[in-house]
Amino acid sequence: MAPTRKSPPHEKCCDLGKDLPDPIQKDLDKQGGMEGLLSRIPAPSALYAGSRFHQALADPIRLTIMYSLLSQRLCVCVIKGVVKIADSKLSYHLNILKEQDFIVGEQQGNWIIYSITDRGRRALKCTERLEK
């Protein structure tokens, strides 16, 4: 049986526009009420795109792949040697990075050579800021 979700013990459910604490109501009114608040939230498609972007960066294996590609283009066998995972898992991670346009793969004969894109470089800069 799935656990039921309970409200936090000190959280009061309110009737919008009637029961809000005065400071919250005043700030909400300044911003155009609920309509104004909702108008500042990005469209669902933008929220989805943003979540996919962050999900792609949320895995240490994918970040390792991207950092590996910062210094030079690499073939799959070298990337596999860096991350030490099975071919199917590597393919999965490479596809996620390609879907977000963080990396590109270029066929050269029997090889696929991967490189990081400008978007991938910018995304890594965002993660570097978190370390500080």
N, C-alpha and C. Protein backbone atom coordinates (compact mmCIF):
# COMPACT_ATOMS: atom_id res chain seq x y z
N MET A 1 0.84 -1.17 0.00
CA MET A 1 0.00 0.00 0.00
C MET A 1 0.89 1.24 0.00
N ALA A 2 0.63 2.16 -0.91
CA ALA A 2 1.43 3.37 -1.02
C ALA A 2 1.17 4.29 0.16
N PRO A 3 2.24 4.92 0.67
CA PRO A 3 2.03 5.83 1.79
C PRO A 3 1.22 7.05 1.34
N THR A 4 0.39 7.54 2.24
CA THR A 4 -0.40 8.73 1.92
C THR A 4 0.46 9.95 2.20
N ARG A 5 0.25 10.96 1.42
CA ARG A 5 1.04 12.18 1.57
C ARG A 5 0.31 13.12 2.52
N LYS A 6 1.03 13.58 3.53
CA LYS A 6 0.45 14.49 4.51
C LYS A 6 1.11 15.86 4.37
N SER A 7 0.37 16.89 4.70
CA SER A 7 0.93 18.23 4.72
C SER A 7 1.90 18.33 5.89
N PRO A 8 2.93 19.19 5.75
CA PRO A 8 3.81 19.41 6.91
C PRO A 8 2.98 19.88 8.09
N PRO A 9 3.39 19.55 9.31
CA PRO A 9 2.57 19.80 10.48
C PRO A 9 2.23 21.26 10.72
N HIS A 10 3.09 22.22 10.35
CA HIS A 10 2.83 23.62 10.65
C HIS A 10 2.32 24.40 9.44
N GLU A 11 2.05 23.72 8.35
CA GLU A 11 1.60 24.40 7.15
C GLU A 11 0.09 24.48 7.15
N LYS A 12 -0.42 25.69 6.96
CA LYS A 12 -1.87 25.89 6.94
C LYS A 12 -2.33 26.01 5.49
N CYS A 13 -3.37 25.29 5.15
CA CYS A 13 -3.97 25.42 3.84
C CYS A 13 -4.82 26.68 3.86
N CYS A 14 -4.80 27.44 2.77
CA CYS A 14 -5.51 28.71 2.80
C CYS A 14 -6.40 28.86 1.57
N ASP A 15 -7.33 29.77 1.72
CA ASP A 15 -8.18 30.17 0.62
C ASP A 15 -7.51 31.40 0.02
N LEU A 16 -6.97 31.28 -1.19
CA LEU A 16 -6.24 32.38 -1.80
C LEU A 16 -7.08 33.63 -1.83
N GLY A 17 -6.48 34.73 -1.43
CA GLY A 17 -7.17 36.01 -1.42
C GLY A 17 -7.91 36.30 -0.14
N LYS A 18 -8.07 35.29 0.72
CA LYS A 18 -8.79 35.51 1.97
C LYS A 18 -7.91 35.24 3.19
N ASP A 19 -7.16 34.14 3.16
CA ASP A 19 -6.45 33.69 4.35
C ASP A 19 -4.94 33.89 4.30
N LEU A 20 -4.42 34.56 3.31
CA LEU A 20 -2.96 34.70 3.21
C LEU A 20 -2.42 35.63 4.28
N PRO A 21 -1.21 35.36 4.76
CA PRO A 21 -0.59 36.31 5.69
C PRO A 21 -0.46 37.67 4.99
N ASP A 22 -0.63 38.76 5.72
CA ASP A 22 -0.63 40.10 5.14
C ASP A 22 0.61 40.39 4.28
N PRO A 23 1.83 40.10 4.76
CA PRO A 23 2.99 40.42 3.91
C PRO A 23 2.99 39.66 2.58
N ILE A 24 2.53 38.42 2.60
CA ILE A 24 2.47 37.62 1.37
C ILE A 24 1.42 38.21 0.44
N GLN A 25 0.26 38.55 0.98
CA GLN A 25 -0.81 39.11 0.16
C GLN A 25 -0.38 40.43 -0.47
N LYS A 26 0.28 41.29 0.31
CA LYS A 26 0.74 42.59 -0.22
C LYS A 26 1.75 42.39 -1.34
N ASP A 27 2.72 41.49 -1.14
CA ASP A 27 3.72 41.22 -2.18
C ASP A 27 3.07 40.62 -3.43
N LEU A 28 2.13 39.72 -3.21
CA LEU A 28 1.43 39.09 -4.33
C LEU A 28 0.63 40.13 -5.11
N ASP A 29 -0.04 41.03 -4.40
CA ASP A 29 -0.80 42.10 -5.05
C ASP A 29 0.11 43.00 -5.87
N LYS A 30 1.30 43.33 -5.34
CA LYS A 30 2.25 44.18 -6.07
C LYS A 30 2.68 43.53 -7.39
N GLN A 31 2.70 42.23 -7.41
CA GLN A 31 3.15 41.49 -8.58
C GLN A 31 2.03 41.13 -9.54
N GLY A 32 0.82 41.58 -9.26
CA GLY A 32 -0.30 41.29 -10.14
C GLY A 32 -1.13 40.10 -9.72
N GLY A 33 -1.05 39.73 -8.46
CA GLY A 33 -1.85 38.62 -7.94
C GLY A 33 -1.37 37.28 -8.48
N MET A 34 -2.24 36.29 -8.35
CA MET A 34 -1.90 34.95 -8.83
C MET A 34 -1.64 34.95 -10.33
N GLU A 35 -2.41 35.74 -11.05
CA GLU A 35 -2.23 35.82 -12.51
C GLU A 35 -0.83 36.34 -12.85
N GLY A 36 -0.39 37.36 -12.13
CA GLY A 36 0.95 37.90 -12.34
C GLY A 36 2.03 36.88 -11.99
N LEU A 37 1.82 36.18 -10.89
CA LEU A 37 2.78 35.14 -10.48
C LEU A 37 2.87 34.05 -11.54
N LEU A 38 1.73 33.56 -11.97
CA LEU A 38 1.70 32.48 -12.96
C LEU A 38 2.28 32.93 -14.30
N SER A 39 2.14 34.21 -14.63
CA SER A 39 2.67 34.69 -15.92
C SER A 39 4.19 34.72 -15.93
N ARG A 40 4.82 34.71 -14.76
CA ARG A 40 6.29 34.73 -14.68
C ARG A 40 6.90 33.34 -14.67
N ILE A 41 6.09 32.32 -14.62
CA ILE A 41 6.59 30.94 -14.68
C ILE A 41 6.70 30.56 -16.15
N PRO A 42 7.86 30.05 -16.57
CA PRO A 42 8.02 29.67 -17.99
C PRO A 42 6.98 28.65 -18.43
N ALA A 43 6.79 28.59 -19.73
CA ALA A 43 5.85 27.64 -20.33
C ALA A 43 6.29 26.21 -20.01
N PRO A 44 5.34 25.27 -19.97
CA PRO A 44 5.70 23.88 -19.67
C PRO A 44 6.80 23.34 -20.59
N SER A 45 6.79 23.71 -21.85
CA SER A 45 7.84 23.21 -22.76
C SER A 45 9.21 23.72 -22.34
N ALA A 46 9.29 24.96 -21.88
CA ALA A 46 10.57 25.51 -21.42
C ALA A 46 11.00 24.83 -20.11
N LEU A 47 10.06 24.57 -19.23
CA LEU A 47 10.38 23.87 -17.99
C LEU A 47 10.90 22.46 -18.28
N TYR A 48 10.28 21.80 -19.23
CA TYR A 48 10.71 20.45 -19.61
C TYR A 48 12.12 20.50 -20.19
N ALA A 49 12.38 21.46 -21.10
CA ALA A 49 13.70 21.58 -21.71
C ALA A 49 14.76 21.87 -20.64
N GLY A 50 14.42 22.73 -19.70
CA GLY A 50 15.35 23.04 -18.62
C GLY A 50 15.64 21.84 -17.75
N SER A 51 14.62 21.05 -17.48
CA SER A 51 14.84 19.87 -16.64
C SER A 51 15.69 18.83 -17.37
N ARG A 52 15.49 18.69 -18.67
CA ARG A 52 16.31 17.75 -19.45
C ARG A 52 17.77 18.21 -19.49
N PHE A 53 17.98 19.51 -19.62
CA PHE A 53 19.33 20.10 -19.60
C PHE A 53 20.03 19.73 -18.30
N HIS A 54 19.35 19.97 -17.18
CA HIS A 54 19.95 19.71 -15.88
C HIS A 54 20.11 18.22 -15.61
N GLN A 55 19.17 17.42 -16.08
CA GLN A 55 19.31 15.96 -15.91
C GLN A 55 20.54 15.45 -16.63
N ALA A 56 20.81 16.01 -17.80
CA ALA A 56 21.98 15.57 -18.57
C ALA A 56 23.27 15.89 -17.82
N LEU A 57 23.27 16.97 -17.06
CA LEU A 57 24.46 17.36 -16.31
C LEU A 57 24.51 16.73 -14.92
N ALA A 58 23.47 16.02 -14.53
CA ALA A 58 23.35 15.52 -13.16
C ALA A 58 24.01 14.17 -12.94
N ASP A 59 24.78 13.70 -13.90
CA ASP A 59 25.40 12.39 -13.75
C ASP A 59 26.92 12.53 -13.83
N PRO A 60 27.66 12.02 -12.84
CA PRO A 60 29.13 12.14 -12.86
C PRO A 60 29.78 11.49 -14.08
N ILE A 61 29.19 10.43 -14.61
CA ILE A 61 29.75 9.78 -15.79
C ILE A 61 29.67 10.73 -16.98
N ARG A 62 28.53 11.38 -17.16
CA ARG A 62 28.38 12.31 -18.29
C ARG A 62 29.29 13.51 -18.13
N LEU A 63 29.44 14.00 -16.91
CA LEU A 63 30.37 15.11 -16.69
C LEU A 63 31.80 14.68 -16.97
N THR A 64 32.17 13.47 -16.59
CA THR A 64 33.51 12.95 -16.88
C THR A 64 33.75 12.88 -18.38
N ILE A 65 32.77 12.41 -19.12
CA ILE A 65 32.88 12.35 -20.58
C ILE A 65 33.11 13.75 -21.13
N MET A 66 32.32 14.71 -20.68
CA MET A 66 32.43 16.07 -21.20
C MET A 66 33.79 16.68 -20.86
N TYR A 67 34.26 16.49 -19.63
CA TYR A 67 35.58 17.02 -19.26
C TYR A 67 36.68 16.35 -20.07
N SER A 68 36.52 15.07 -20.37
CA SER A 68 37.51 14.36 -21.19
C SER A 68 37.60 14.97 -22.58
N LEU A 69 36.47 15.41 -23.09
CA LEU A 69 36.43 15.97 -24.45
C LEU A 69 36.85 17.44 -24.49
N LEU A 70 37.05 18.06 -23.37
CA LEU A 70 37.47 19.46 -23.37
C LEU A 70 38.84 19.64 -24.01
N SER A 71 39.74 18.71 -23.75
CA SER A 71 41.10 18.88 -24.24
C SER A 71 41.33 18.36 -25.65
N GLN A 72 40.53 17.37 -26.06
CA GLN A 72 40.70 16.84 -27.42
C GLN A 72 39.51 15.99 -27.82
N ARG A 73 39.39 15.75 -29.12
CA ARG A 73 38.37 14.84 -29.63
C ARG A 73 38.80 13.42 -29.30
N LEU A 74 37.82 12.55 -29.06
CA LEU A 74 38.14 11.18 -28.66
C LEU A 74 37.22 10.18 -29.35
N CYS A 75 37.73 8.98 -29.56
CA CYS A 75 36.90 7.89 -30.06
C CYS A 75 36.28 7.17 -28.86
N VAL A 76 35.31 6.33 -29.14
CA VAL A 76 34.57 5.63 -28.08
C VAL A 76 35.50 4.79 -27.21
N CYS A 77 36.49 4.13 -27.82
CA CYS A 77 37.33 3.24 -27.00
C CYS A 77 38.12 4.02 -25.94
N VAL A 78 38.54 5.23 -26.26
CA VAL A 78 39.26 6.04 -25.28
C VAL A 78 38.29 6.51 -24.20
N ILE A 79 37.10 6.96 -24.62
CA ILE A 79 36.10 7.39 -23.63
C ILE A 79 35.75 6.23 -22.70
N LYS A 80 35.59 5.06 -23.28
CA LYS A 80 35.29 3.87 -22.47
C LYS A 80 36.41 3.59 -21.47
N GLY A 81 37.66 3.78 -21.88
CA GLY A 81 38.79 3.61 -20.98
C GLY A 81 38.79 4.61 -19.84
N VAL A 82 38.26 5.79 -20.09
CA VAL A 82 38.19 6.83 -19.06
C VAL A 82 37.10 6.51 -18.04
N VAL A 83 35.90 6.19 -18.52
CA VAL A 83 34.76 6.01 -17.60
C VAL A 83 34.60 4.58 -17.12
N LYS A 84 35.21 3.63 -17.81
CA LYS A 84 35.19 2.22 -17.39
C LYS A 84 33.79 1.67 -17.14
N ILE A 85 32.95 1.77 -18.18
CA ILE A 85 31.61 1.20 -18.11
C ILE A 85 31.36 0.36 -19.36
N ALA A 86 30.33 -0.45 -19.31
CA ALA A 86 29.97 -1.32 -20.43
C ALA A 86 29.54 -0.50 -21.64
N ASP A 87 29.70 -1.09 -22.82
CA ASP A 87 29.35 -0.42 -24.07
C ASP A 87 27.92 0.11 -24.08
N SER A 88 26.98 -0.70 -23.61
CA SER A 88 25.57 -0.26 -23.64
C SER A 88 25.34 0.95 -22.75
N LYS A 89 25.97 0.98 -21.58
CA LYS A 89 25.83 2.13 -20.69
C LYS A 89 26.50 3.36 -21.28
N LEU A 90 27.65 3.16 -21.91
CA LEU A 90 28.34 4.29 -22.54
C LEU A 90 27.50 4.86 -23.66
N SER A 91 26.91 4.01 -24.46
CA SER A 91 26.04 4.45 -25.54
C SER A 91 24.87 5.27 -25.00
N TYR A 92 24.30 4.80 -23.91
CA TYR A 92 23.19 5.51 -23.27
C TYR A 92 23.61 6.93 -22.87
N HIS A 93 24.76 7.04 -22.20
CA HIS A 93 25.23 8.34 -21.74
C HIS A 93 25.61 9.25 -22.91
N LEU A 94 26.25 8.70 -23.93
CA LEU A 94 26.61 9.50 -25.10
C LEU A 94 25.35 10.03 -25.79
N ASN A 95 24.32 9.21 -25.88
CA ASN A 95 23.07 9.66 -26.50
C ASN A 95 22.41 10.81 -25.74
N ILE A 96 22.42 10.74 -24.43
CA ILE A 96 21.86 11.83 -23.63
C ILE A 96 22.63 13.12 -23.89
N LEU A 97 23.95 13.03 -23.94
CA LEU A 97 24.77 14.21 -24.20
C LEU A 97 24.55 14.75 -25.61
N LYS A 98 24.36 13.85 -26.56
CA LYS A 98 24.09 14.28 -27.94
C LYS A 98 22.71 14.93 -28.05
N GLU A 99 21.72 14.37 -27.38
CA GLU A 99 20.36 14.93 -27.41
C GLU A 99 20.34 16.37 -26.90
N GLN A 100 21.21 16.68 -25.95
CA GLN A 100 21.28 18.04 -25.40
C GLN A 100 22.26 18.92 -26.17
N ASP A 101 22.83 18.39 -27.23
CA ASP A 101 23.81 19.12 -28.04
C ASP A 101 25.02 19.54 -27.22
N PHE A 102 25.41 18.69 -26.26
CA PHE A 102 26.62 18.93 -25.49
C PHE A 102 27.84 18.33 -26.19
N ILE A 103 27.61 17.27 -26.96
CA ILE A 103 28.68 16.65 -27.73
C ILE A 103 28.15 16.30 -29.12
N VAL A 104 29.07 16.07 -30.05
CA VAL A 104 28.71 15.58 -31.38
C VAL A 104 29.65 14.43 -31.72
N GLY A 105 29.13 13.51 -32.51
CA GLY A 105 29.93 12.39 -32.99
C GLY A 105 30.03 12.47 -34.50
N GLU A 106 31.25 12.35 -35.01
CA GLU A 106 31.49 12.43 -36.45
C GLU A 106 32.07 11.10 -36.94
N GLN A 107 31.41 10.51 -37.91
CA GLN A 107 31.88 9.25 -38.48
C GLN A 107 33.13 9.51 -39.29
N GLN A 108 34.20 8.77 -38.98
CA GLN A 108 35.45 8.82 -39.75
C GLN A 108 35.88 7.39 -40.02
N GLY A 109 35.48 6.90 -41.19
CA GLY A 109 35.74 5.50 -41.52
C GLY A 109 34.96 4.61 -40.59
N ASN A 110 35.66 3.70 -39.90
CA ASN A 110 35.02 2.79 -38.95
C ASN A 110 34.85 3.40 -37.57
N TRP A 111 35.31 4.61 -37.38
CA TRP A 111 35.33 5.24 -36.07
C TRP A 111 34.29 6.34 -35.96
N ILE A 112 33.79 6.55 -34.74
CA ILE A 112 33.01 7.74 -34.45
C ILE A 112 33.87 8.56 -33.49
N ILE A 113 34.17 9.77 -33.91
CA ILE A 113 35.01 10.66 -33.12
C ILE A 113 34.10 11.69 -32.46
N TYR A 114 34.19 11.77 -31.14
CA TYR A 114 33.34 12.68 -30.37
C TYR A 114 34.10 13.95 -30.00
N SER A 115 33.36 15.05 -29.99
CA SER A 115 33.92 16.32 -29.54
C SER A 115 32.84 17.07 -28.77
N ILE A 116 33.30 17.98 -27.94
CA ILE A 116 32.38 18.79 -27.15
C ILE A 116 31.95 19.99 -27.99
N THR A 117 30.71 20.41 -27.82
CA THR A 117 30.18 21.56 -28.56
C THR A 117 30.35 22.83 -27.72
N ASP A 118 30.10 23.97 -28.34
CA ASP A 118 30.13 25.23 -27.58
C ASP A 118 29.11 25.21 -26.46
N ARG A 119 27.94 24.63 -26.75
CA ARG A 119 26.91 24.52 -25.70
C ARG A 119 27.42 23.65 -24.55
N GLY A 120 28.12 22.58 -24.87
CA GLY A 120 28.69 21.71 -23.85
C GLY A 120 29.73 22.44 -23.01
N ARG A 121 30.56 23.25 -23.67
CA ARG A 121 31.56 24.04 -22.94
C ARG A 121 30.88 25.02 -21.98
N ARG A 122 29.85 25.69 -22.46
CA ARG A 122 29.13 26.64 -21.60
C ARG A 122 28.47 25.92 -20.42
N ALA A 123 27.92 24.74 -20.67
CA ALA A 123 27.28 23.97 -19.60
C ALA A 123 28.30 23.59 -18.53
N LEU A 124 29.50 23.20 -18.95
CA LEU A 124 30.54 22.85 -17.98
C LEU A 124 30.96 24.06 -17.17
N LYS A 125 30.99 25.22 -17.77
CA LYS A 125 31.32 26.44 -17.02
C LYS A 125 30.32 26.66 -15.88
N CYS A 126 29.06 26.34 -16.14
CA CYS A 126 28.04 26.46 -15.08
C CYS A 126 28.35 25.52 -13.93
N THR A 127 28.77 24.30 -14.22
CA THR A 127 29.07 23.35 -13.15
C THR A 127 30.32 23.75 -12.39
N GLU A 128 31.27 24.41 -13.07
CA GLU A 128 32.50 24.83 -12.39
C GLU A 128 32.20 25.89 -11.34
N ARG A 129 31.20 26.71 -11.59
CA ARG A 129 30.83 27.74 -10.62
C ARG A 129 30.34 27.12 -9.32
N LEU A 130 29.79 25.92 -9.40
CA LEU A 130 29.27 25.26 -8.20
C LEU A 130 30.39 24.81 -7.28
N GLU A 131 31.57 24.59 -7.82
CA GLU A 131 32.69 24.10 -7.01
C GLU A 131 33.24 25.19 -6.10
N LYS A 132 32.99 26.44 -6.42
CA LYS A 132 33.59 27.55 -5.66
C LYS A 132 32.77 27.94 -4.47
